[in-house]
């Protein structure tokens, strides 16, 4: 296995859900290849699931209605941890970031609680009109 101290960085601009999710999965595969981690690596698998959940939310809800501004995405390896960031111009997400798991009969609302349980850190901040998401998983 390659050293986790190796440098890895990936940047993309995402505009559409399907292509965006494909890009997210591709970036994790590149991280796997860079670090010599296999498909069975549980830490990276958990990170990838959380990344897809947050990425889908950002690409679905992170853009103002009637507009199609891009979402900026980056992934890097930082001292043995996978660190992803999303930047979008959608509505504030403060009210949903700490929401608990919904009732089992609910058809939505599981993504953020699930991502929080899979990650070592899920950060969110609002800076003016910009949302910044930070996902961290120690590998």
N, C-alpha and C. Protein backbone atom coordinates (compact mmCIF):
# COMPACT_ATOMS: atom_id res chain seq x y z
N UNK A 1 0.84 -1.18 0.00
CA UNK A 1 0.00 0.00 0.00
C UNK A 1 0.89 1.24 0.00
N UNK A 2 0.47 2.23 -0.77
CA UNK A 2 1.22 3.48 -0.84
C UNK A 2 1.06 4.24 0.47
N UNK A 3 1.96 5.12 0.73
CA UNK A 3 1.94 5.91 1.96
C UNK A 3 0.78 6.91 1.93
N UNK A 4 0.08 7.06 3.06
CA UNK A 4 -1.01 8.03 3.15
C UNK A 4 -0.50 9.46 3.18
N UNK A 5 0.81 9.65 3.29
CA UNK A 5 1.35 11.00 3.31
C UNK A 5 1.59 11.52 1.89
N UNK A 6 1.34 10.67 0.89
CA UNK A 6 1.49 11.12 -0.48
C UNK A 6 0.51 12.23 -0.78
N UNK A 7 0.85 13.04 -1.77
CA UNK A 7 0.00 14.14 -2.17
C UNK A 7 -1.07 13.64 -3.13
N UNK A 8 -2.29 14.01 -2.87
CA UNK A 8 -3.39 13.73 -3.79
C UNK A 8 -4.34 14.91 -3.73
N UNK A 9 -4.69 15.43 -4.90
CA UNK A 9 -5.67 16.51 -5.00
C UNK A 9 -6.50 16.32 -6.25
N UNK A 10 -7.77 16.64 -6.13
CA UNK A 10 -8.70 16.55 -7.25
C UNK A 10 -9.64 17.75 -7.14
N UNK A 11 -9.90 18.42 -8.26
CA UNK A 11 -10.81 19.57 -8.29
C UNK A 11 -11.74 19.42 -9.48
N UNK A 12 -12.99 19.80 -9.31
CA UNK A 12 -13.95 19.75 -10.41
C UNK A 12 -15.05 20.78 -10.17
N UNK A 13 -15.68 21.17 -11.24
CA UNK A 13 -16.85 22.02 -11.22
C UNK A 13 -18.01 21.13 -11.65
N UNK A 14 -19.03 21.05 -10.80
CA UNK A 14 -20.16 20.15 -11.03
C UNK A 14 -21.40 20.97 -11.35
N UNK A 15 -22.17 20.50 -12.34
CA UNK A 15 -23.38 21.23 -12.74
C UNK A 15 -24.63 20.38 -12.76
N UNK A 16 -24.50 19.09 -13.00
CA UNK A 16 -25.67 18.22 -13.14
C UNK A 16 -25.52 17.01 -12.23
N UNK A 17 -26.64 16.53 -11.74
CA UNK A 17 -26.63 15.46 -10.75
C UNK A 17 -25.94 14.19 -11.24
N UNK A 18 -26.37 13.64 -12.35
CA UNK A 18 -25.81 12.36 -12.80
C UNK A 18 -24.32 12.46 -13.09
N UNK A 19 -23.92 13.47 -13.87
CA UNK A 19 -22.50 13.63 -14.19
C UNK A 19 -21.71 13.98 -12.94
N UNK A 20 -22.31 14.76 -12.05
CA UNK A 20 -21.64 15.14 -10.82
C UNK A 20 -21.36 13.94 -9.94
N UNK A 21 -22.35 13.06 -9.77
CA UNK A 21 -22.13 11.86 -8.96
C UNK A 21 -21.07 10.96 -9.59
N UNK A 22 -21.08 10.86 -10.90
CA UNK A 22 -20.04 10.08 -11.58
C UNK A 22 -18.66 10.66 -11.32
N UNK A 23 -18.54 11.97 -11.33
CA UNK A 23 -17.27 12.64 -11.04
C UNK A 23 -16.83 12.37 -9.61
N UNK A 24 -17.77 12.40 -8.66
CA UNK A 24 -17.43 12.13 -7.26
C UNK A 24 -16.87 10.71 -7.11
N UNK A 25 -17.55 9.74 -7.70
CA UNK A 25 -17.07 8.35 -7.61
C UNK A 25 -15.73 8.18 -8.30
N UNK A 26 -15.55 8.86 -9.43
CA UNK A 26 -14.27 8.81 -10.14
C UNK A 26 -13.15 9.38 -9.29
N UNK A 27 -13.43 10.47 -8.57
CA UNK A 27 -12.39 11.09 -7.73
C UNK A 27 -11.97 10.15 -6.60
N UNK A 28 -12.92 9.42 -6.03
CA UNK A 28 -12.58 8.47 -4.96
C UNK A 28 -11.78 7.31 -5.54
N UNK A 29 -12.12 6.87 -6.74
CA UNK A 29 -11.33 5.80 -7.37
C UNK A 29 -9.90 6.27 -7.62
N UNK A 30 -9.74 7.51 -8.03
CA UNK A 30 -8.39 8.06 -8.22
C UNK A 30 -7.63 8.11 -6.90
N UNK A 31 -8.33 8.45 -5.81
CA UNK A 31 -7.71 8.43 -4.49
C UNK A 31 -7.30 7.01 -4.11
N UNK A 32 -8.18 6.04 -4.37
CA UNK A 32 -7.85 4.62 -4.13
C UNK A 32 -6.58 4.24 -4.88
N UNK A 33 -6.56 4.56 -6.16
CA UNK A 33 -5.41 4.21 -7.00
C UNK A 33 -4.14 4.88 -6.49
N UNK A 34 -4.25 6.14 -6.09
CA UNK A 34 -3.10 6.90 -5.62
C UNK A 34 -2.50 6.34 -4.34
N UNK A 35 -3.39 5.82 -3.47
CA UNK A 35 -2.94 5.33 -2.17
C UNK A 35 -2.78 3.82 -2.12
N UNK A 36 -3.16 3.12 -3.19
CA UNK A 36 -3.05 1.67 -3.21
C UNK A 36 -4.12 0.98 -2.39
N UNK A 37 -5.20 1.68 -2.08
CA UNK A 37 -6.29 1.08 -1.30
C UNK A 37 -7.25 0.36 -2.24
N UNK A 38 -7.74 -0.78 -1.81
CA UNK A 38 -8.64 -1.58 -2.63
C UNK A 38 -10.10 -1.19 -2.45
N UNK A 39 -10.94 -1.80 -3.25
CA UNK A 39 -12.39 -1.56 -3.19
C UNK A 39 -12.97 -1.95 -1.84
N UNK A 40 -12.30 -2.87 -1.14
CA UNK A 40 -12.81 -3.37 0.14
C UNK A 40 -12.43 -2.50 1.34
N UNK A 41 -11.66 -1.44 1.13
CA UNK A 41 -11.24 -0.56 2.21
C UNK A 41 -12.48 0.10 2.82
N UNK A 42 -12.83 -0.31 4.04
CA UNK A 42 -14.08 0.15 4.67
C UNK A 42 -14.10 1.65 4.95
N UNK A 43 -13.00 2.21 5.37
CA UNK A 43 -12.97 3.66 5.65
C UNK A 43 -13.26 4.46 4.39
N UNK A 44 -12.62 4.06 3.30
CA UNK A 44 -12.83 4.78 2.04
C UNK A 44 -14.22 4.52 1.48
N UNK A 45 -14.74 3.32 1.69
CA UNK A 45 -16.10 3.02 1.26
C UNK A 45 -17.12 3.87 2.02
N UNK A 46 -16.95 4.00 3.32
CA UNK A 46 -17.84 4.84 4.12
C UNK A 46 -17.77 6.30 3.66
N UNK A 47 -16.54 6.75 3.40
CA UNK A 47 -16.35 8.12 2.91
C UNK A 47 -17.09 8.31 1.59
N UNK A 48 -16.96 7.35 0.69
CA UNK A 48 -17.58 7.47 -0.63
C UNK A 48 -19.11 7.52 -0.53
N UNK A 49 -19.69 6.73 0.36
CA UNK A 49 -21.14 6.76 0.55
C UNK A 49 -21.57 8.14 1.07
N UNK A 50 -20.88 8.65 2.07
CA UNK A 50 -21.22 9.97 2.62
C UNK A 50 -21.01 11.06 1.57
N UNK A 51 -19.94 10.96 0.80
CA UNK A 51 -19.66 11.94 -0.26
C UNK A 51 -20.80 11.96 -1.28
N UNK A 52 -21.28 10.79 -1.68
CA UNK A 52 -22.38 10.72 -2.64
C UNK A 52 -23.67 11.31 -2.05
N UNK A 53 -23.92 11.06 -0.77
CA UNK A 53 -25.12 11.61 -0.13
C UNK A 53 -25.08 13.14 -0.09
N UNK A 54 -23.98 13.68 0.41
CA UNK A 54 -23.86 15.14 0.50
C UNK A 54 -23.79 15.75 -0.90
N UNK A 55 -23.05 15.12 -1.79
CA UNK A 55 -22.95 15.62 -3.16
C UNK A 55 -24.31 15.68 -3.84
N UNK A 56 -25.11 14.63 -3.68
CA UNK A 56 -26.45 14.62 -4.27
C UNK A 56 -27.31 15.73 -3.68
N UNK A 57 -27.22 15.94 -2.37
CA UNK A 57 -27.98 17.03 -1.74
C UNK A 57 -27.55 18.38 -2.28
N UNK A 58 -26.25 18.60 -2.36
CA UNK A 58 -25.74 19.88 -2.84
C UNK A 58 -26.15 20.11 -4.30
N UNK A 59 -26.03 19.08 -5.13
CA UNK A 59 -26.39 19.24 -6.54
C UNK A 59 -27.89 19.37 -6.75
N UNK A 60 -28.68 18.84 -5.83
CA UNK A 60 -30.13 18.93 -5.94
C UNK A 60 -30.67 20.22 -5.31
N UNK A 61 -30.17 20.56 -4.12
CA UNK A 61 -30.73 21.68 -3.37
C UNK A 61 -29.79 22.88 -3.27
N UNK A 62 -28.57 22.76 -3.69
CA UNK A 62 -27.57 23.79 -3.48
C UNK A 62 -27.47 24.83 -4.55
N UNK A 63 -28.52 24.95 -5.35
CA UNK A 63 -28.52 25.97 -6.38
C UNK A 63 -29.85 26.70 -6.33
N UNK A 64 -29.83 28.02 -6.38
CA UNK A 64 -31.08 28.78 -6.32
C UNK A 64 -32.04 28.36 -7.43
N UNK A 65 -33.34 28.38 -7.13
CA UNK A 65 -34.36 28.00 -8.11
C UNK A 65 -34.24 28.84 -9.37
N UNK A 66 -34.36 28.19 -10.51
CA UNK A 66 -34.32 28.88 -11.79
C UNK A 66 -32.92 29.22 -12.28
N UNK A 67 -31.90 28.80 -11.55
CA UNK A 67 -30.53 29.08 -11.96
C UNK A 67 -29.76 27.77 -12.05
N UNK A 68 -28.63 27.84 -12.66
CA UNK A 68 -27.81 26.64 -12.79
C UNK A 68 -26.34 26.96 -12.49
N UNK A 69 -26.08 27.61 -11.34
CA UNK A 69 -24.68 27.90 -11.04
C UNK A 69 -23.95 26.61 -10.69
N UNK A 70 -22.70 26.53 -11.01
CA UNK A 70 -21.95 25.31 -10.71
C UNK A 70 -21.65 25.16 -9.22
N UNK A 71 -21.32 23.95 -8.85
CA UNK A 71 -20.88 23.61 -7.51
C UNK A 71 -19.40 23.29 -7.61
N UNK A 72 -18.60 23.92 -6.79
CA UNK A 72 -17.17 23.64 -6.78
C UNK A 72 -16.90 22.49 -5.82
N UNK A 73 -16.06 21.56 -6.26
CA UNK A 73 -15.77 20.36 -5.48
C UNK A 73 -14.26 20.14 -5.46
N UNK A 74 -13.76 19.76 -4.30
CA UNK A 74 -12.35 19.38 -4.20
C UNK A 74 -12.23 18.19 -3.26
N UNK A 75 -11.23 17.36 -3.54
CA UNK A 75 -10.91 16.21 -2.70
C UNK A 75 -9.41 16.16 -2.58
N UNK A 76 -8.94 15.94 -1.36
CA UNK A 76 -7.50 15.82 -1.18
C UNK A 76 -7.22 14.86 -0.03
N UNK A 77 -6.01 14.37 -0.02
CA UNK A 77 -5.53 13.55 1.09
C UNK A 77 -4.75 14.49 1.99
N UNK A 78 -5.12 14.51 3.27
CA UNK A 78 -4.51 15.45 4.21
C UNK A 78 -4.13 14.70 5.48
N UNK A 79 -2.86 14.40 5.63
CA UNK A 79 -2.35 13.70 6.82
C UNK A 79 -3.13 12.43 7.12
N UNK A 80 -3.32 11.60 6.09
CA UNK A 80 -3.99 10.32 6.27
C UNK A 80 -5.49 10.39 6.34
N UNK A 81 -6.08 11.53 5.99
CA UNK A 81 -7.54 11.67 5.99
C UNK A 81 -8.00 12.15 4.61
N UNK A 82 -9.14 11.63 4.18
CA UNK A 82 -9.78 12.13 2.96
C UNK A 82 -10.56 13.38 3.37
N UNK A 83 -10.35 14.46 2.64
CA UNK A 83 -10.99 15.73 2.92
C UNK A 83 -11.65 16.24 1.64
N UNK A 84 -12.97 16.34 1.66
CA UNK A 84 -13.72 16.85 0.51
C UNK A 84 -14.40 18.15 0.90
N UNK A 85 -14.53 19.03 -0.08
CA UNK A 85 -15.22 20.30 0.14
C UNK A 85 -16.13 20.59 -1.04
N UNK A 86 -17.32 21.10 -0.73
CA UNK A 86 -18.26 21.58 -1.73
C UNK A 86 -18.53 23.04 -1.44
N UNK A 87 -18.64 23.84 -2.49
CA UNK A 87 -19.02 25.24 -2.36
C UNK A 87 -20.17 25.47 -3.33
N UNK A 88 -21.30 25.96 -2.79
CA UNK A 88 -22.47 26.21 -3.63
C UNK A 88 -23.12 27.53 -3.23
N UNK A 89 -24.02 28.00 -4.07
CA UNK A 89 -24.71 29.28 -3.84
C UNK A 89 -26.20 29.08 -3.58
N UNK A 90 -26.54 27.94 -3.01
CA UNK A 90 -27.94 27.65 -2.72
C UNK A 90 -28.42 28.30 -1.45
N UNK A 91 -29.64 27.97 -1.05
CA UNK A 91 -30.18 28.53 0.19
C UNK A 91 -29.42 27.99 1.40
N UNK A 92 -29.48 28.70 2.52
CA UNK A 92 -28.81 28.24 3.73
C UNK A 92 -29.31 26.87 4.15
N UNK A 93 -28.43 26.07 4.74
CA UNK A 93 -28.79 24.71 5.16
C UNK A 93 -28.69 24.55 6.67
N UNK A 94 -28.59 25.65 7.41
CA UNK A 94 -28.44 25.57 8.87
C UNK A 94 -29.52 24.71 9.53
N UNK A 95 -30.75 24.83 9.04
CA UNK A 95 -31.86 24.14 9.71
C UNK A 95 -31.81 22.63 9.54
N UNK A 96 -31.10 22.14 8.53
CA UNK A 96 -31.09 20.70 8.28
C UNK A 96 -29.79 20.01 8.68
N UNK A 97 -28.73 20.74 8.95
CA UNK A 97 -27.43 20.13 9.17
C UNK A 97 -27.41 19.22 10.40
N UNK A 98 -28.11 19.56 11.46
CA UNK A 98 -28.09 18.76 12.68
C UNK A 98 -29.36 17.95 12.90
N UNK A 99 -30.18 17.88 11.90
CA UNK A 99 -31.43 17.14 12.00
C UNK A 99 -31.13 15.66 12.23
N UNK A 100 -31.91 15.03 13.08
CA UNK A 100 -31.74 13.61 13.36
C UNK A 100 -32.34 12.73 12.28
N UNK A 101 -32.16 11.43 12.43
CA UNK A 101 -32.71 10.47 11.48
C UNK A 101 -34.24 10.53 11.56
N UNK A 102 -34.91 10.65 10.42
CA UNK A 102 -36.37 10.73 10.43
C UNK A 102 -37.00 9.38 10.79
N UNK A 103 -38.28 9.41 11.06
CA UNK A 103 -39.05 8.21 11.33
C UNK A 103 -38.91 7.23 10.17
N UNK A 104 -39.00 5.96 10.47
CA UNK A 104 -38.80 4.93 9.44
C UNK A 104 -39.79 5.03 8.29
N UNK A 105 -40.92 5.66 8.49
CA UNK A 105 -41.91 5.80 7.42
C UNK A 105 -41.63 6.99 6.49
N UNK A 106 -40.70 7.85 6.88
CA UNK A 106 -40.38 9.03 6.08
C UNK A 106 -39.65 8.61 4.80
N UNK A 107 -39.97 9.28 3.72
CA UNK A 107 -39.36 8.96 2.42
C UNK A 107 -38.11 9.79 2.12
N UNK A 108 -37.77 10.72 3.00
CA UNK A 108 -36.59 11.55 2.75
C UNK A 108 -35.97 11.97 4.08
N UNK A 109 -34.83 12.65 4.00
CA UNK A 109 -34.21 13.21 5.18
C UNK A 109 -33.16 12.34 5.86
N UNK A 110 -32.76 11.25 5.21
CA UNK A 110 -31.77 10.36 5.83
C UNK A 110 -30.33 10.68 5.45
N UNK A 111 -30.12 11.41 4.37
CA UNK A 111 -28.77 11.63 3.85
C UNK A 111 -27.81 12.29 4.82
N UNK A 112 -28.20 13.42 5.40
CA UNK A 112 -27.31 14.13 6.32
C UNK A 112 -27.03 13.33 7.59
N UNK A 113 -28.05 12.76 8.25
CA UNK A 113 -27.74 11.96 9.44
C UNK A 113 -26.85 10.76 9.12
N UNK A 114 -27.10 10.13 7.99
CA UNK A 114 -26.28 8.98 7.61
C UNK A 114 -24.84 9.43 7.34
N UNK A 115 -24.67 10.52 6.62
CA UNK A 115 -23.33 11.02 6.32
C UNK A 115 -22.59 11.36 7.62
N UNK A 116 -23.28 12.00 8.56
CA UNK A 116 -22.64 12.32 9.85
C UNK A 116 -22.14 11.06 10.55
N UNK A 117 -22.93 9.98 10.47
CA UNK A 117 -22.54 8.74 11.15
C UNK A 117 -21.37 8.04 10.46
N UNK A 118 -21.16 8.29 9.17
CA UNK A 118 -20.10 7.62 8.41
C UNK A 118 -18.78 8.39 8.43
N UNK A 119 -18.85 9.69 8.69
CA UNK A 119 -17.67 10.55 8.64
C UNK A 119 -17.11 10.81 10.03
N UNK A 120 -15.85 11.23 10.07
CA UNK A 120 -15.27 11.71 11.32
C UNK A 120 -15.67 13.15 11.56
N UNK A 121 -15.96 13.86 10.49
CA UNK A 121 -16.37 15.26 10.61
C UNK A 121 -17.21 15.65 9.41
N UNK A 122 -18.33 16.31 9.67
CA UNK A 122 -19.14 16.92 8.63
C UNK A 122 -19.35 18.36 9.04
N UNK A 123 -18.71 19.26 8.33
CA UNK A 123 -18.80 20.68 8.66
C UNK A 123 -19.60 21.44 7.64
N UNK A 124 -20.28 22.49 8.10
CA UNK A 124 -21.05 23.36 7.23
C UNK A 124 -20.94 24.77 7.76
N UNK A 125 -20.76 25.71 6.85
CA UNK A 125 -20.83 27.12 7.23
C UNK A 125 -21.39 27.92 6.08
N UNK A 126 -22.03 29.01 6.44
CA UNK A 126 -22.61 29.93 5.47
C UNK A 126 -21.76 31.19 5.51
N UNK A 127 -21.24 31.59 4.36
CA UNK A 127 -20.41 32.78 4.24
C UNK A 127 -21.07 33.70 3.22
N UNK A 128 -21.86 34.66 3.70
CA UNK A 128 -22.61 35.53 2.79
C UNK A 128 -23.67 34.71 2.06
N UNK A 129 -23.54 34.60 0.75
CA UNK A 129 -24.48 33.84 -0.07
C UNK A 129 -23.92 32.47 -0.46
N UNK A 130 -22.87 32.05 0.21
CA UNK A 130 -22.17 30.82 -0.18
C UNK A 130 -22.23 29.79 0.95
N UNK A 131 -22.56 28.55 0.57
CA UNK A 131 -22.51 27.41 1.48
C UNK A 131 -21.17 26.70 1.29
N UNK A 132 -20.55 26.33 2.40
CA UNK A 132 -19.30 25.57 2.36
C UNK A 132 -19.47 24.31 3.18
N UNK A 133 -19.27 23.18 2.54
CA UNK A 133 -19.39 21.87 3.17
C UNK A 133 -18.00 21.24 3.27
N UNK A 134 -17.72 20.60 4.39
CA UNK A 134 -16.42 19.96 4.60
C UNK A 134 -16.66 18.56 5.16
N UNK A 135 -16.13 17.55 4.46
CA UNK A 135 -16.29 16.16 4.84
C UNK A 135 -14.92 15.58 5.13
N UNK A 136 -14.75 14.95 6.28
CA UNK A 136 -13.46 14.40 6.67
C UNK A 136 -13.64 12.96 7.13
N UNK A 137 -12.79 12.08 6.62
CA UNK A 137 -12.77 10.69 7.07
C UNK A 137 -11.31 10.24 7.20
N UNK A 138 -10.92 9.88 8.43
CA UNK A 138 -9.57 9.36 8.63
C UNK A 138 -9.46 7.99 7.97
N UNK A 139 -8.41 7.83 7.21
CA UNK A 139 -8.21 6.56 6.53
C UNK A 139 -7.19 5.73 7.28
